[in-house]
PDB file of N, CA and C in Angstrom:
ATOM      1  N   UNK A   1       1.654 -53.477  -9.622  1.00  0.00           N
ATOM      2  CA  UNK A   1       2.600 -53.693  -8.410  1.00  0.00           C
ATOM      3  C   UNK A   1       3.851 -53.904  -8.826  1.00  0.00           C
ATOM      4  N   UNK A   2       4.301 -54.778 -10.041  1.00  0.00           N
ATOM      5  CA  UNK A   2       5.651 -54.748 -10.251  1.00  0.00           C
ATOM      6  C   UNK A   2       5.984 -53.848 -11.219  1.00  0.00           C
ATOM      7  N   UNK A   3       6.025 -52.586 -10.990  1.00  0.00           N
ATOM      8  CA  UNK A   3       6.167 -51.586 -11.958  1.00  0.00           C
ATOM      9  C   UNK A   3       7.524 -51.692 -12.496  1.00  0.00           C
ATOM     10  N   UNK A   4       8.772 -52.200 -11.498  1.00  0.00           N
ATOM     11  CA  UNK A   4       9.954 -52.158 -12.021  1.00  0.00           C
ATOM     12  C   UNK A   4      10.097 -53.199 -13.126  1.00  0.00           C
ATOM     13  N   UNK A   5       9.360 -54.373 -13.224  1.00  0.00           N
ATOM     14  CA  UNK A   5       9.446 -55.451 -14.038  1.00  0.00           C
ATOM     15  C   UNK A   5       9.467 -54.776 -15.462  1.00  0.00           C
ATOM     16  N   UNK A   6       8.372 -53.772 -15.505  1.00  0.00           N
ATOM     17  CA  UNK A   6       8.038 -53.241 -16.984  1.00  0.00           C
ATOM     18  C   UNK A   6       9.016 -52.126 -17.063  1.00  0.00           C
ATOM     19  N   UNK A   7       9.435 -51.379 -16.027  1.00  0.00           N
ATOM     20  CA  UNK A   7      10.328 -50.283 -16.480  1.00  0.00           C
ATOM     21  C   UNK A   7      11.571 -50.646 -16.933  1.00  0.00           C
ATOM     22  N   UNK A   8      12.243 -51.892 -16.274  1.00  0.00           N
ATOM     23  CA  UNK A   8      13.329 -52.706 -16.792  1.00  0.00           C
ATOM     24  C   UNK A   8      13.394 -53.104 -18.128  1.00  0.00           C
ATOM     25  N   UNK A   9      12.151 -54.012 -18.558  1.00  0.00           N
ATOM     26  CA  UNK A   9      12.031 -54.377 -19.690  1.00  0.00           C
ATOM     27  C   UNK A   9      11.935 -53.352 -20.748  1.00  0.00           C
ATOM     28  N   UNK A  10      11.312 -52.196 -20.436  1.00  0.00           N
ATOM     29  CA  UNK A  10      11.246 -51.216 -21.617  1.00  0.00           C
ATOM     30  C   UNK A  10      12.581 -50.423 -21.379  1.00  0.00           C
ATOM     31  N   UNK A  11      13.185 -50.352 -20.548  1.00  0.00           N
ATOM     32  CA  UNK A  11      14.654 -49.615 -20.468  1.00  0.00           C
ATOM     33  C   UNK A  11      15.613 -50.347 -21.394  1.00  0.00           C
ATOM     34  N   UNK A  12      15.379 -51.706 -21.274  1.00  0.00           N
ATOM     35  CA  UNK A  12      16.180 -52.669 -22.013  1.00  0.00           C
ATOM     36  C   UNK A  12      15.928 -52.722 -23.482  1.00  0.00           C
ATOM     37  N   UNK A  13      14.741 -52.216 -24.103  1.00  0.00           N
ATOM     38  CA  UNK A  13      14.041 -52.222 -25.149  1.00  0.00           C
ATOM     39  C   UNK A  13      13.682 -53.761 -25.680  1.00  0.00           C
ATOM     40  N   UNK A  14      13.203 -54.549 -24.568  1.00  0.00           N
ATOM     41  CA  UNK A  14      12.742 -56.024 -24.473  1.00  0.00           C
ATOM     42  C   UNK A  14      11.168 -55.978 -24.626  1.00  0.00           C
ATOM     43  N   UNK A  15      10.747 -57.148 -25.425  1.00  0.00           N
ATOM     44  CA  UNK A  15       9.270 -57.264 -25.323  1.00  0.00           C
ATOM     45  C   UNK A  15       9.036 -58.538 -24.284  1.00  0.00           C
ATOM     46  N   UNK A  16       7.770 -58.440 -24.195  1.00  0.00           N
ATOM     47  CA  UNK A  16       7.341 -59.297 -23.160  1.00  0.00           C
ATOM     48  C   UNK A  16       7.709 -60.918 -23.486  1.00  0.00           C
ATOM     49  N   UNK A  17       7.313 -61.158 -24.925  1.00  0.00           N
ATOM     50  CA  UNK A  17       7.799 -62.244 -25.547  1.00  0.00           C
ATOM     51  C   UNK A  17       9.029 -62.836 -25.249  1.00  0.00           C
ATOM     52  N   UNK A  18      10.309 -61.993 -25.320  1.00  0.00           N
ATOM     53  CA  UNK A  18      11.461 -62.192 -25.207  1.00  0.00           C
ATOM     54  C   UNK A  18      11.773 -62.614 -23.662  1.00  0.00           C
ATOM     55  N   UNK A  19      11.165 -61.797 -22.756  1.00  0.00           N
ATOM     56  CA  UNK A  19      11.287 -62.244 -21.058  1.00  0.00           C
ATOM     57  C   UNK A  19      10.468 -63.594 -20.951  1.00  0.00           C
ATOM     58  N   UNK A  20       9.300 -63.853 -21.498  1.00  0.00           N
ATOM     59  CA  UNK A  20       8.457 -64.909 -21.332  1.00  0.00           C
ATOM     60  C   UNK A  20       9.389 -66.009 -21.897  1.00  0.00           C
ATOM     61  N   UNK A  21      10.082 -66.151 -22.981  1.00  0.00           N
ATOM     62  CA  UNK A  21      10.878 -67.097 -23.625  1.00  0.00           C
ATOM     63  C   UNK A  21      11.934 -67.627 -22.587  1.00  0.00           C
ATOM     64  N   UNK A  22      12.579 -66.390 -21.899  1.00  0.00           N
ATOM     65  CA  UNK A  22      13.797 -66.628 -20.996  1.00  0.00           C
ATOM     66  C   UNK A  22      13.226 -67.437 -19.825  1.00  0.00           C
ATOM     67  N   UNK A  23      12.163 -67.049 -19.400  1.00  0.00           N
ATOM     68  CA  UNK A  23      11.295 -67.955 -18.263  1.00  0.00           C
ATOM     69  C   UNK A  23      10.458 -69.040 -18.507  1.00  0.00           C
ATOM     70  N   UNK A  24      10.528 -69.385 -19.784  1.00  0.00           N
ATOM     71  CA  UNK A  24      10.009 -70.623 -20.299  1.00  0.00           C
ATOM     72  C   UNK A  24       8.364 -70.600 -19.914  1.00  0.00           C
ATOM     73  N   UNK A  25       7.695 -69.472 -20.122  1.00  0.00           N
ATOM     74  CA  UNK A  25       6.392 -69.257 -19.934  1.00  0.00           C
ATOM     75  C   UNK A  25       5.786 -68.671 -21.124  1.00  0.00           C
ATOM     76  N   UNK A  26       4.500 -68.476 -21.176  1.00  0.00           N
ATOM     77  CA  UNK A  26       3.878 -67.776 -22.223  1.00  0.00           C
ATOM     78  C   UNK A  26       3.933 -66.141 -22.003  1.00  0.00           C
ATOM     79  N   UNK A  27       3.715 -65.466 -22.913  1.00  0.00           N
ATOM     80  CA  UNK A  27       3.769 -63.990 -22.942  1.00  0.00           C
ATOM     81  C   UNK A  27       2.563 -63.548 -22.047  1.00  0.00           C
ATOM     82  N   UNK A  28       1.443 -64.238 -22.167  1.00  0.00           N
ATOM     83  CA  UNK A  28       0.017 -63.741 -21.342  1.00  0.00           C
ATOM     84  C   UNK A  28       0.488 -63.973 -19.820  1.00  0.00           C
ATOM     85  N   UNK A  29       1.540 -65.103 -19.339  1.00  0.00           N
ATOM     86  CA  UNK A  29       1.701 -65.018 -17.855  1.00  0.00           C
ATOM     87  C   UNK A  29       2.551 -64.105 -17.488  1.00  0.00           C
ATOM     88  N   UNK A  30       3.575 -63.706 -18.526  1.00  0.00           N
ATOM     89  CA  UNK A  30       4.401 -62.803 -18.164  1.00  0.00           C
ATOM     90  C   UNK A  30       3.992 -61.372 -17.760  1.00  0.00           C
ATOM     91  N   UNK A  31       3.026 -61.044 -18.712  1.00  0.00           N
ATOM     92  CA  UNK A  31       2.017 -59.973 -18.738  1.00  0.00           C
ATOM     93  C   UNK A  31       1.372 -60.061 -17.309  1.00  0.00           C
ATOM     94  N   UNK A  32       0.998 -61.024 -16.798  1.00  0.00           N
ATOM     95  CA  UNK A  32       0.213 -61.236 -15.513  1.00  0.00           C
ATOM     96  C   UNK A  32       1.128 -61.007 -14.426  1.00  0.00           C
ATOM     97  N   UNK A  33       2.341 -61.266 -14.421  1.00  0.00           N
ATOM     98  CA  UNK A  33       3.381 -60.920 -13.431  1.00  0.00           C
ATOM     99  C   UNK A  33       3.562 -59.483 -13.596  1.00  0.00           C
ATOM    100  N   UNK A  34       3.731 -58.780 -14.429  1.00  0.00           N
ATOM    101  CA  UNK A  34       4.005 -57.334 -14.589  1.00  0.00           C
ATOM    102  C   UNK A  34       3.050 -56.592 -13.868  1.00  0.00           C
ATOM    103  N   UNK A  35       1.639 -57.205 -14.309  1.00  0.00           N
ATOM    104  CA  UNK A  35       0.613 -56.324 -13.842  1.00  0.00           C
ATOM    105  C   UNK A  35       0.349 -56.541 -12.296  1.00  0.00           C
ATOM    106  N   UNK A  36       0.701 -57.684 -11.791  1.00  0.00           N
ATOM    107  CA  UNK A  36       0.489 -58.013 -10.440  1.00  0.00           C
ATOM    108  C   UNK A  36      -0.657 -59.040 -10.274  1.00  0.00           C
ATOM    109  N   UNK A  37      -1.299 -59.249 -11.444  1.00  0.00           N
ATOM    110  CA  UNK A  37      -2.373 -60.413 -11.609  1.00  0.00           C
ATOM    111  C   UNK A  37      -1.929 -61.891 -10.868  1.00  0.00           C
ATOM    112  N   UNK A  38      -0.776 -62.135 -11.274  1.00  0.00           N
ATOM    113  CA  UNK A  38      -0.160 -63.568 -10.639  1.00  0.00           C
ATOM    114  C   UNK A  38       1.232 -62.910  -9.994  1.00  0.00           C
ATOM    115  N   UNK A  39       1.411 -63.499  -8.634  1.00  0.00           N
ATOM    116  CA  UNK A  39       2.639 -63.290  -8.298  1.00  0.00           C
ATOM    117  C   UNK A  39       3.779 -64.210  -8.962  1.00  0.00           C
ATOM    118  N   UNK A  40       4.647 -63.480  -8.978  1.00  0.00           N
ATOM    119  CA  UNK A  40       5.915 -64.217  -9.846  1.00  0.00           C
ATOM    120  C   UNK A  40       6.401 -65.303  -8.999  1.00  0.00           C
ATOM    121  N   UNK A  41       6.694 -66.319  -9.418  1.00  0.00           N
ATOM    122  CA  UNK A  41       7.564 -67.357  -8.372  1.00  0.00           C
ATOM    123  C   UNK A  41       8.925 -66.841  -8.355  1.00  0.00           C
ATOM    124  N   UNK A  42       9.495 -67.361  -6.834  1.00  0.00           N
ATOM    125  CA  UNK A  42      10.785 -67.131  -6.858  1.00  0.00           C
ATOM    126  C   UNK A  42      11.880 -67.512  -7.769  1.00  0.00           C
ATOM    127  N   UNK A  43      11.724 -68.803  -8.497  1.00  0.00           N
ATOM    128  CA  UNK A  43      12.737 -68.976  -9.571  1.00  0.00           C
ATOM    129  C   UNK A  43      12.723 -68.090 -10.570  1.00  0.00           C
ATOM    130  N   UNK A  44      11.627 -67.585 -11.143  1.00  0.00           N
ATOM    131  CA  UNK A  44      11.515 -66.392 -12.299  1.00  0.00           C
ATOM    132  C   UNK A  44      12.072 -65.210 -11.662  1.00  0.00           C
ATOM    133  N   UNK A  45      11.701 -64.841 -10.252  1.00  0.00           N
ATOM    134  CA  UNK A  45      12.292 -63.703  -9.832  1.00  0.00           C
ATOM    135  C   UNK A  45      13.997 -63.613  -9.926  1.00  0.00           C
ATOM    136  N   UNK A  46      14.528 -64.767  -9.258  1.00  0.00           N
ATOM    137  CA  UNK A  46      15.831 -64.913  -9.477  1.00  0.00           C
ATOM    138  C   UNK A  46      16.473 -64.971 -10.811  1.00  0.00           C
ATOM    139  N   UNK A  47      15.896 -65.421 -11.697  1.00  0.00           N
ATOM    140  CA  UNK A  47      16.231 -65.593 -13.221  1.00  0.00           C
ATOM    141  C   UNK A  47      16.097 -63.779 -13.660  1.00  0.00           C
ATOM    142  N   UNK A  48      15.176 -63.339 -13.321  1.00  0.00           N
ATOM    143  CA  UNK A  48      15.224 -62.084 -13.833  1.00  0.00           C
ATOM    144  C   UNK A  48      16.290 -60.844 -13.297  1.00  0.00           C
ATOM    145  N   UNK A  49      16.534 -61.383 -12.007  1.00  0.00           N
ATOM    146  CA  UNK A  49      17.603 -60.533 -11.277  1.00  0.00           C
ATOM    147  C   UNK A  49      18.938 -60.927 -11.811  1.00  0.00           C
ATOM    148  N   UNK A  50      18.925 -61.800 -11.946  1.00  0.00           N
ATOM    149  CA  UNK A  50      20.532 -62.308 -12.580  1.00  0.00           C
ATOM    150  C   UNK A  50      20.468 -61.791 -14.159  1.00  0.00           C
ATOM    151  N   UNK A  51      19.300 -61.863 -14.906  1.00  0.00           N
ATOM    152  CA  UNK A  51      19.544 -61.197 -16.456  1.00  0.00           C
ATOM    153  C   UNK A  51      19.865 -59.996 -16.282  1.00  0.00           C
ATOM    154  N   UNK A  52      18.912 -58.969 -15.552  1.00  0.00           N
ATOM    155  CA  UNK A  52      19.336 -57.656 -15.302  1.00  0.00           C
ATOM    156  C   UNK A  52      20.342 -57.039 -14.368  1.00  0.00           C
ATOM    157  N   UNK A  53      21.113 -58.184 -13.690  1.00  0.00           N
ATOM    158  CA  UNK A  53      22.145 -57.705 -12.814  1.00  0.00           C
ATOM    159  C   UNK A  53      21.834 -56.745 -11.748  1.00  0.00           C
ATOM    160  N   UNK A  54      20.807 -57.330 -11.279  1.00  0.00           N
ATOM    161  CA  UNK A  54      20.440 -56.547  -9.966  1.00  0.00           C
ATOM    162  C   UNK A  54      19.994 -57.488  -8.917  1.00  0.00           C
ATOM    163  N   UNK A  55      19.361 -56.936  -7.634  1.00  0.00           N
ATOM    164  CA  UNK A  55      18.787 -57.628  -6.866  1.00  0.00           C
ATOM    165  C   UNK A  55      17.360 -57.957  -6.660  1.00  0.00           C
ATOM    166  N   UNK A  56      16.961 -59.061  -6.187  1.00  0.00           N
ATOM    167  CA  UNK A  56      15.512 -59.438  -6.156  1.00  0.00           C
ATOM    168  C   UNK A  56      14.810 -58.379  -5.367  1.00  0.00           C
ATOM    169  N   UNK A  57      15.449 -57.659  -4.310  1.00  0.00           N
ATOM    170  CA  UNK A  57      15.074 -56.687  -3.455  1.00  0.00           C
ATOM    171  C   UNK A  57      14.620 -55.444  -4.108  1.00  0.00           C
ATOM    172  N   UNK A  58      15.512 -55.136  -5.311  1.00  0.00           N
ATOM    173  CA  UNK A  58      15.365 -54.053  -6.159  1.00  0.00           C
ATOM    174  C   UNK A  58      14.186 -54.540  -7.320  1.00  0.00           C
ATOM    175  N   UNK A  59      14.093 -55.398  -7.645  1.00  0.00           N
ATOM    176  CA  UNK A  59      12.877 -55.906  -8.592  1.00  0.00           C
ATOM    177  C   UNK A  59      11.516 -55.655  -7.714  1.00  0.00           C
ATOM    178  N   UNK A  60      11.470 -55.989  -6.555  1.00  0.00           N
ATOM    179  CA  UNK A  60      10.258 -56.150  -5.760  1.00  0.00           C
ATOM    180  C   UNK A  60       9.911 -54.626  -5.132  1.00  0.00           C
ATOM    181  N   UNK A  61      10.865 -53.656  -5.353  1.00  0.00           N
ATOM    182  CA  UNK A  61      10.716 -52.532  -4.794  1.00  0.00           C
ATOM    183  C   UNK A  61      11.219 -52.178  -3.289  1.00  0.00           C
ATOM    184  N   UNK A  62      11.844 -53.270  -2.780  1.00  0.00           N
ATOM    185  CA  UNK A  62      12.102 -53.038  -1.407  1.00  0.00           C
ATOM    186  C   UNK A  62      13.304 -52.017  -1.215  1.00  0.00           C
ATOM    187  N   UNK A  63      14.125 -51.997  -2.316  1.00  0.00           N
ATOM    188  CA  UNK A  63      15.330 -50.775  -2.344  1.00  0.00           C
ATOM    189  C   UNK A  63      15.475 -50.322  -3.649  1.00  0.00           C
ATOM    190  N   UNK A  64      15.884 -48.952  -3.508  1.00  0.00           N
ATOM    191  CA  UNK A  64      16.100 -48.328  -4.699  1.00  0.00           C
ATOM    192  C   UNK A  64      17.578 -48.447  -5.262  1.00  0.00           C
ATOM    193  N   UNK A  65      18.230 -49.282  -4.518  1.00  0.00           N
ATOM    194  CA  UNK A  65      19.758 -49.537  -5.097  1.00  0.00           C
ATOM    195  C   UNK A  65      19.604 -50.728  -6.045  1.00  0.00           C
ATOM    196  N   UNK A  66      19.925 -50.249  -7.426  1.00  0.00           N
ATOM    197  CA  UNK A  66      19.797 -51.612  -8.424  1.00  0.00           C
ATOM    198  C   UNK A  66      20.957 -52.436  -8.455  1.00  0.00           C
ATOM    199  N   UNK A  67      22.117 -51.824  -7.875  1.00  0.00           N
ATOM    200  CA  UNK A  67      23.260 -52.839  -7.861  1.00  0.00           C
ATOM    201  C   UNK A  67      22.936 -54.106  -7.087  1.00  0.00           C
ATOM    202  N   UNK A  68      23.466 -55.214  -7.664  1.00  0.00           N
ATOM    203  CA  UNK A  68      23.188 -56.707  -6.830  1.00  0.00           C
ATOM    204  C   UNK A  68      24.402 -56.550  -5.629  1.00  0.00           C
ATOM    205  N   UNK A  69      23.610 -57.250  -4.855  1.00  0.00           N
ATOM    206  CA  UNK A  69      24.557 -57.710  -3.363  1.00  0.00           C
ATOM    207  C   UNK A  69      25.786 -58.154  -3.926  1.00  0.00           C
ATOM    208  N   UNK A  70      27.016 -58.052  -2.958  1.00  0.00           N
ATOM    209  CA  UNK A  70      28.224 -58.664  -3.276  1.00  0.00           C
ATOM    210  C   UNK A  70      28.089 -60.100  -3.165  1.00  0.00           C
ATOM    211  N   UNK A  71      28.558 -60.934  -3.854  1.00  0.00           N
ATOM    212  CA  UNK A  71      28.540 -62.442  -3.673  1.00  0.00           C
ATOM    213  C   UNK A  71      29.590 -62.750  -2.373  1.00  0.00           C
ATOM    214  N   UNK A  72      29.302 -63.630  -1.401  1.00  0.00           N
ATOM    215  CA  UNK A  72      29.899 -64.241  -0.676  1.00  0.00           C
ATOM    216  C   UNK A  72      30.761 -65.213  -1.125  1.00  0.00           C
ATOM    217  N   UNK A  73      31.957 -65.278  -0.537  1.00  0.00           N
ATOM    218  CA  UNK A  73      33.099 -66.294  -0.898  1.00  0.00           C
ATOM    219  C   UNK A  73      33.256 -67.469   0.118  1.00  0.00           C
TER     220      UNK A  73
END
C-alpha cells in the first residue's frame, strides 16, 4: 500500500531501524506501515514528509510531484 515509503527509504540507503528510531517506534511497527498492515498515524506521516523534504500527498501516492508545497507566510 505505501510503496513510496519503501522506495524513498531504499533510495536514501536507510534501514527500517533508522526510520523507526526517527519515529520512536519499533522496526516491526515501521515494517507494518510500509506493508500497509498498519495505517500510519498522521504525526508519523508529517515527520517522514519533513525528513524527506516532500509532501504528505506524495508519500500517500496522491500526487507524483515530490516537491513539498510552498510554505504560506
